[in-house]
N, C-alpha and C. Protein backbone atom coordinates (compact mmCIF):
# COMPACT_ATOMS: atom_id res chain seq x y z
N UNK A 1 -20.67 -26.43 20.03
CA UNK A 1 -19.56 -25.92 18.99
C UNK A 1 -19.64 -23.77 18.60
N UNK A 2 -18.47 -24.13 18.50
CA UNK A 2 -18.66 -22.10 18.03
C UNK A 2 -18.94 -21.48 17.05
N UNK A 3 -19.50 -20.74 16.51
CA UNK A 3 -20.04 -20.36 15.17
C UNK A 3 -19.01 -19.01 14.88
N UNK A 4 -18.83 -19.10 13.54
CA UNK A 4 -17.79 -18.01 12.61
C UNK A 4 -18.54 -16.97 12.35
N UNK A 5 -18.28 -15.85 13.43
CA UNK A 5 -18.78 -14.48 12.74
C UNK A 5 -18.01 -14.24 11.12
N UNK A 6 -18.38 -14.44 10.36
CA UNK A 6 -17.88 -14.05 9.10
C UNK A 6 -17.95 -12.63 8.86
N UNK A 7 -19.31 -11.94 9.19
CA UNK A 7 -19.43 -10.39 9.02
C UNK A 7 -18.16 -9.55 10.16
N UNK A 8 -18.09 -10.44 11.79
CA UNK A 8 -16.94 -9.61 11.71
C UNK A 8 -15.41 -10.19 11.20
N UNK A 9 -15.34 -10.95 10.38
CA UNK A 9 -13.83 -11.26 9.92
C UNK A 9 -13.67 -10.17 8.47
N UNK A 10 -15.09 -10.12 8.00
CA UNK A 10 -15.12 -9.22 6.88
C UNK A 10 -14.86 -7.99 7.05
N UNK A 11 -15.33 -7.36 8.37
CA UNK A 11 -15.06 -6.11 8.63
C UNK A 11 -13.68 -5.98 9.29
N UNK A 12 -12.97 -6.55 9.59
CA UNK A 12 -11.54 -6.93 10.60
C UNK A 12 -10.83 -6.68 8.90
N UNK A 13 -11.16 -7.53 7.85
CA UNK A 13 -10.25 -7.39 6.98
C UNK A 13 -10.17 -6.37 5.75
N UNK A 14 -11.56 -5.39 6.12
CA UNK A 14 -11.94 -4.50 5.55
C UNK A 14 -11.15 -3.33 6.37
N UNK A 15 -11.02 -3.25 7.55
CA UNK A 15 -10.36 -2.11 8.17
C UNK A 15 -8.00 -2.81 8.31
N UNK A 16 -8.11 -3.60 8.15
CA UNK A 16 -6.78 -4.13 7.87
C UNK A 16 -6.58 -3.59 6.32
N UNK A 17 -7.12 -3.60 5.37
CA UNK A 17 -6.92 -2.87 3.80
C UNK A 17 -6.65 -1.89 4.45
N UNK A 18 -7.79 -0.97 4.87
CA UNK A 18 -7.84 0.51 4.90
C UNK A 18 -7.00 1.31 5.61
N UNK A 19 -5.62 0.55 5.96
CA UNK A 19 -4.82 0.86 6.99
C UNK A 19 -3.87 1.21 6.12
N UNK A 20 -3.47 0.15 5.07
CA UNK A 20 -2.09 0.62 4.46
C UNK A 20 -2.94 -0.11 2.96
N UNK A 21 -3.52 0.75 2.17
CA UNK A 21 -4.19 0.42 0.90
C UNK A 21 -2.99 0.20 0.01
N UNK A 22 -3.27 -0.23 -1.07
CA UNK A 22 -2.69 -0.52 -2.28
C UNK A 22 -3.83 -0.70 -3.24
N UNK A 23 -3.48 0.32 -4.39
CA UNK A 23 -4.19 -0.34 -5.67
C UNK A 23 -4.27 -1.19 -6.41
N UNK A 24 -4.82 -2.01 -7.13
CA UNK A 24 -4.69 -3.62 -7.76
C UNK A 24 -5.27 -3.40 -9.18
N UNK A 25 -4.90 -3.17 -10.31
CA UNK A 25 -5.46 -3.25 -11.59
C UNK A 25 -4.76 -4.54 -12.00
N UNK A 26 -6.24 -5.63 -12.35
CA UNK A 26 -5.54 -7.10 -12.92
C UNK A 26 -5.75 -7.07 -13.99
N UNK A 27 -5.03 -7.36 -14.91
CA UNK A 27 -5.19 -7.76 -16.46
C UNK A 27 -4.78 -9.06 -17.09
N UNK A 28 -6.11 -9.80 -17.30
CA UNK A 28 -6.57 -11.25 -17.72
C UNK A 28 -5.82 -11.54 -19.02
N UNK A 29 -5.68 -12.72 -19.24
CA UNK A 29 -4.86 -13.37 -20.28
C UNK A 29 -6.01 -13.41 -21.26
N UNK A 30 -7.17 -13.48 -21.25
CA UNK A 30 -8.32 -13.09 -21.91
C UNK A 30 -8.44 -11.88 -22.51
N UNK A 31 -8.11 -11.03 -21.78
CA UNK A 31 -8.20 -9.06 -22.15
C UNK A 31 -8.97 -8.86 -21.46
N UNK A 32 -9.74 -9.23 -20.10
CA UNK A 32 -10.48 -8.29 -19.33
C UNK A 32 -9.58 -7.76 -17.83
N UNK A 33 -10.23 -6.43 -17.89
CA UNK A 33 -9.14 -5.65 -17.22
C UNK A 33 -9.88 -5.04 -15.79
N UNK A 34 -9.55 -4.58 -14.72
CA UNK A 34 -10.36 -4.61 -13.30
C UNK A 34 -9.77 -4.42 -12.53
N UNK A 35 -9.96 -3.17 -11.77
CA UNK A 35 -9.10 -2.66 -10.77
C UNK A 35 -9.80 -2.68 -9.47
N UNK A 36 -9.31 -3.32 -7.97
CA UNK A 36 -9.40 -3.14 -6.69
C UNK A 36 -8.73 -2.57 -6.03
N UNK A 37 -8.72 -2.28 -4.63
CA UNK A 37 -8.04 -1.89 -3.65
C UNK A 37 -7.79 -2.79 -2.76
N UNK A 38 -6.39 -3.23 -2.22
CA UNK A 38 -6.06 -4.65 -1.35
C UNK A 38 -5.03 -4.20 -0.58
N UNK A 39 -4.36 -4.93 0.14
CA UNK A 39 -3.35 -4.50 1.11
C UNK A 39 -2.44 -5.56 0.66
N UNK A 40 -1.19 -5.07 0.23
CA UNK A 40 0.12 -5.73 -0.45
C UNK A 40 1.23 -5.99 0.75
N UNK A 41 1.50 -7.25 0.62
CA UNK A 41 3.03 -7.13 1.51
C UNK A 41 3.73 -8.38 1.10
N UNK A 42 5.08 -8.30 1.35
CA UNK A 42 5.90 -9.36 1.04
C UNK A 42 5.67 -10.37 1.45
N UNK A 43 6.22 -11.58 1.31
CA UNK A 43 5.89 -12.75 1.86
C UNK A 43 7.53 -13.52 1.61
N UNK A 44 7.40 -14.79 1.05
CA UNK A 44 8.80 -15.33 1.21
C UNK A 44 9.43 -15.22 -0.29
N UNK A 45 10.93 -15.64 -0.56
CA UNK A 45 11.90 -15.63 -1.54
C UNK A 45 11.07 -16.95 -2.45
N UNK A 46 11.07 -16.47 -3.92
CA UNK A 46 10.54 -17.49 -4.16
C UNK A 46 12.27 -18.40 -5.63
N UNK A 47 12.84 -17.76 -5.71
CA UNK A 47 13.82 -18.23 -6.51
C UNK A 47 15.28 -17.94 -6.48
N UNK A 48 15.49 -17.44 -4.93
CA UNK A 48 16.84 -16.85 -4.60
C UNK A 48 17.90 -18.22 -4.75
N UNK A 49 18.74 -17.68 -5.19
CA UNK A 49 20.00 -18.91 -5.65
C UNK A 49 20.26 -18.60 -6.91
N UNK A 50 19.48 -18.32 -7.49
CA UNK A 50 19.89 -18.70 -9.59
C UNK A 50 21.04 -18.01 -9.70
N UNK A 51 21.78 -18.32 -10.48
CA UNK A 51 22.72 -17.37 -11.01
C UNK A 51 22.32 -16.81 -12.37
N UNK A 52 22.68 -15.22 -12.64
CA UNK A 52 22.09 -14.44 -13.43
C UNK A 52 22.87 -13.24 -13.87
N UNK A 53 22.87 -12.76 -15.03
CA UNK A 53 24.04 -12.44 -15.54
C UNK A 53 24.17 -10.84 -14.57
N UNK A 54 25.00 -9.88 -14.20
CA UNK A 54 24.64 -8.80 -13.78
C UNK A 54 24.62 -7.50 -14.95
N UNK A 55 23.97 -6.58 -14.43
CA UNK A 55 23.84 -5.44 -15.57
C UNK A 55 24.93 -4.56 -15.38
N UNK A 56 25.15 -4.16 -14.06
CA UNK A 56 26.12 -3.28 -13.48
C UNK A 56 27.50 -4.02 -13.14
N UNK A 57 28.13 -5.01 -13.25
CA UNK A 57 29.24 -5.71 -12.59
C UNK A 57 29.55 -6.83 -14.20
N UNK A 58 30.74 -6.92 -14.52
CA UNK A 58 31.26 -7.88 -15.36
C UNK A 58 31.22 -9.18 -14.87
N UNK A 59 30.16 -9.75 -14.94
CA UNK A 59 29.82 -11.45 -14.25
C UNK A 59 28.79 -11.85 -13.76
N UNK A 60 28.82 -12.73 -12.97
CA UNK A 60 27.62 -13.38 -12.62
C UNK A 60 27.23 -12.91 -11.04
N UNK A 61 25.72 -13.00 -10.81
CA UNK A 61 25.34 -12.83 -9.32
C UNK A 61 24.59 -13.91 -9.10
N UNK A 62 24.27 -14.00 -7.42
CA UNK A 62 22.61 -14.84 -7.31
C UNK A 62 22.14 -13.23 -7.11
N UNK A 63 20.47 -14.04 -8.06
CA UNK A 63 19.15 -13.33 -8.21
C UNK A 63 18.40 -13.90 -7.66
N UNK A 64 17.31 -13.32 -7.18
CA UNK A 64 16.07 -14.15 -6.58
C UNK A 64 14.94 -13.40 -7.01
N UNK A 65 13.53 -13.98 -6.61
CA UNK A 65 12.68 -12.72 -7.23
C UNK A 65 11.47 -12.90 -5.54
N UNK A 66 10.83 -11.85 -5.04
CA UNK A 66 10.32 -11.86 -3.68
C UNK A 66 8.98 -12.37 -4.46
N UNK A 67 8.35 -13.24 -3.48
CA UNK A 67 6.85 -13.36 -3.81
C UNK A 67 6.17 -12.12 -2.68
N UNK A 68 4.72 -11.98 -2.98
CA UNK A 68 3.99 -10.84 -1.76
C UNK A 68 2.76 -11.38 -2.32
N UNK A 69 1.99 -11.12 -1.13
CA UNK A 69 0.57 -11.52 -1.17
C UNK A 69 -0.51 -10.41 -1.37
N UNK A 70 -1.23 -9.93 -1.68
CA UNK A 70 -2.51 -8.98 -2.09
C UNK A 70 -3.87 -9.67 -1.08
N UNK A 71 -4.33 -9.16 -0.03
CA UNK A 71 -4.81 -9.10 0.26
C UNK A 71 -6.60 -8.91 0.07
N UNK A 72 -7.25 -9.13 -0.42
CA UNK A 72 -8.69 -8.47 -1.26
C UNK A 72 -9.82 -9.03 -0.43
N UNK A 73 -10.72 -7.88 -0.63
CA UNK A 73 -12.14 -8.36 0.30
C UNK A 73 -12.73 -9.88 -0.53
N UNK A 74 -13.28 -10.72 0.19
CA UNK A 74 -14.08 -11.64 0.21
C UNK A 74 -14.78 -11.93 -1.49
N UNK A 75 -15.14 -10.87 -1.85
CA UNK A 75 -16.62 -10.88 -2.71
C UNK A 75 -15.87 -9.94 -4.00
N UNK A 76 -14.80 -9.51 -4.15
CA UNK A 76 -14.05 -8.96 -5.14
C UNK A 76 -13.89 -10.24 -6.43
N UNK A 77 -13.32 -9.97 -7.64
CA UNK A 77 -13.76 -10.74 -8.50
C UNK A 77 -11.96 -11.65 -8.15
N UNK A 78 -12.36 -12.57 -8.67
CA UNK A 78 -11.19 -13.66 -8.32
C UNK A 78 -10.23 -13.68 -9.70
N UNK A 79 -9.24 -13.40 -9.54
CA UNK A 79 -8.10 -13.80 -10.59
C UNK A 79 -7.96 -15.03 -11.05
N UNK A 80 -7.41 -14.82 -12.47
CA UNK A 80 -6.49 -16.73 -12.27
C UNK A 80 -5.30 -16.42 -12.54
N UNK A 81 -4.50 -18.04 -12.21
CA UNK A 81 -3.15 -18.08 -12.59
C UNK A 81 -2.85 -17.66 -13.45
N UNK A 82 -1.35 -16.81 -13.45
CA UNK A 82 -0.88 -15.95 -15.14
C UNK A 82 -1.32 -15.01 -15.21
N UNK A 83 -2.38 -14.56 -14.64
CA UNK A 83 -2.74 -13.30 -15.13
C UNK A 83 -1.77 -11.90 -14.25
N UNK A 84 -1.57 -11.08 -14.81
CA UNK A 84 -1.15 -10.07 -14.61
C UNK A 84 -1.22 -9.00 -13.56
N UNK A 85 -0.89 -8.46 -12.66
CA UNK A 85 -1.10 -7.17 -11.90
C UNK A 85 -0.31 -6.67 -11.43
N UNK A 86 -0.86 -5.18 -11.69
CA UNK A 86 0.16 -4.01 -11.59
C UNK A 86 -0.46 -3.10 -10.44
N UNK A 87 0.46 -2.98 -9.50
CA UNK A 87 -0.15 -2.12 -8.16
C UNK A 87 0.63 -1.13 -8.05
N UNK A 88 -0.13 0.02 -6.93
CA UNK A 88 0.78 1.50 -6.97
C UNK A 88 0.37 1.23 -5.00
N UNK A 89 1.46 1.62 -4.20
CA UNK A 89 1.04 1.33 -3.23
C UNK A 89 2.47 2.44 -2.31
N UNK A 90 1.60 3.85 -1.81
CA UNK A 90 2.46 4.83 -1.06
C UNK A 90 3.54 5.46 -2.27
N UNK A 91 2.63 4.87 -3.42
CA UNK A 91 3.56 6.02 -4.44
C UNK A 91 4.61 5.16 -5.54
N UNK A 92 4.62 3.69 -5.03
CA UNK A 92 5.50 2.78 -5.66
C UNK A 92 4.74 1.97 -6.48
N UNK A 93 5.02 2.05 -7.91
CA UNK A 93 4.22 0.75 -8.62
C UNK A 93 5.26 -0.18 -8.87
N UNK A 94 4.51 -1.70 -8.79
CA UNK A 94 5.23 -2.48 -9.09
C UNK A 94 4.03 -3.78 -10.07
N UNK A 95 4.41 -4.77 -10.75
CA UNK A 95 4.36 -5.35 -11.16
C UNK A 95 4.33 -7.00 -10.89
N UNK A 96 3.62 -7.77 -11.08
CA UNK A 96 3.28 -9.28 -10.72
C UNK A 96 2.32 -10.23 -11.41
N UNK A 97 2.92 -11.23 -11.54
CA UNK A 97 1.99 -12.86 -11.87
C UNK A 97 1.61 -12.97 -10.72
N UNK A 98 0.25 -13.86 -11.41
CA UNK A 98 -0.50 -14.39 -9.90
C UNK A 98 0.15 -15.76 -9.97
N UNK A 99 0.35 -16.09 -8.87
CA UNK A 99 0.84 -17.59 -8.70
C UNK A 99 -0.18 -18.54 -8.28
N UNK A 100 -0.90 -18.21 -7.31
CA UNK A 100 -2.02 -18.72 -6.64
C UNK A 100 -3.42 -17.65 -6.21
N UNK A 101 -4.37 -18.59 -5.97
CA UNK A 101 -5.21 -17.44 -5.02
C UNK A 101 -6.19 -18.44 -4.21
N UNK A 102 -6.41 -17.74 -3.15
CA UNK A 102 -6.75 -18.50 -1.63
C UNK A 102 -8.30 -17.98 -1.28
N UNK A 103 -9.08 -18.30 -2.02
CA UNK A 103 -10.08 -17.80 -1.33
C UNK A 103 -10.75 -17.81 -0.38
N UNK A 104 -11.74 -17.44 0.66
CA UNK A 104 -12.73 -17.86 1.97
C UNK A 104 -13.59 -16.95 1.84
N UNK A 105 -14.27 -17.37 3.00
CA UNK A 105 -15.97 -16.75 3.17
C UNK A 105 -15.38 -15.09 3.47
N UNK A 106 -14.42 -14.87 4.14
CA UNK A 106 -14.12 -13.36 4.35
C UNK A 106 -12.96 -12.79 3.97
N UNK A 107 -12.25 -12.98 3.43
CA UNK A 107 -10.91 -12.36 2.09
C UNK A 107 -10.92 -13.12 1.18
N UNK A 108 -9.91 -12.89 0.04
CA UNK A 108 -9.27 -13.98 -0.71
C UNK A 108 -7.59 -13.37 -0.35
N UNK A 109 -6.62 -13.82 -0.52
CA UNK A 109 -5.40 -13.78 -0.53
C UNK A 109 -4.70 -13.87 -2.12
N UNK A 110 -4.09 -13.40 -2.43
CA UNK A 110 -3.56 -13.22 -3.90
C UNK A 110 -2.11 -13.74 -3.99
N UNK A 111 -1.62 -14.52 -4.35
CA UNK A 111 0.27 -14.78 -4.10
C UNK A 111 0.63 -14.33 -5.32
N UNK A 112 1.50 -13.43 -5.51
CA UNK A 112 1.92 -12.86 -6.55
C UNK A 112 3.62 -13.45 -6.93
N UNK A 113 4.03 -13.16 -8.01
CA UNK A 113 5.29 -13.17 -7.82
C UNK A 113 6.15 -11.82 -8.73
N UNK A 114 7.33 -11.07 -8.40
CA UNK A 114 7.87 -10.19 -9.04
C UNK A 114 7.87 -10.38 -10.68
N UNK A 115 7.39 -9.74 -11.75
CA UNK A 115 7.92 -10.00 -13.27
C UNK A 115 9.11 -8.96 -13.22
N UNK A 116 9.17 -7.83 -12.51
CA UNK A 116 10.46 -7.16 -13.39
C UNK A 116 11.03 -6.41 -12.03
């Protein structure tokens, strides 16, 4: 039976984050705030196909929101579903809500939904 080398997986996660880092500030619903550095990547579409009012055209249009995944070190503080996250990656600021958190012994994946 193979032994899982969590130390190696943690080092590879740290290298993965360092190659394209994003700063993230979490704002919990109970008022707490903390910052961290992770790696942000787009995921699937969450609500594509809804009709919404166009702000630039007279009428309606299809709208959707993009899910993102934020990969964090395994030992970072774990956010709660519904917490707000503000990120800055390559000079671009974005705001998200936490949809779900998937912790593991070597990384934490936080699934985010665009808020704006």
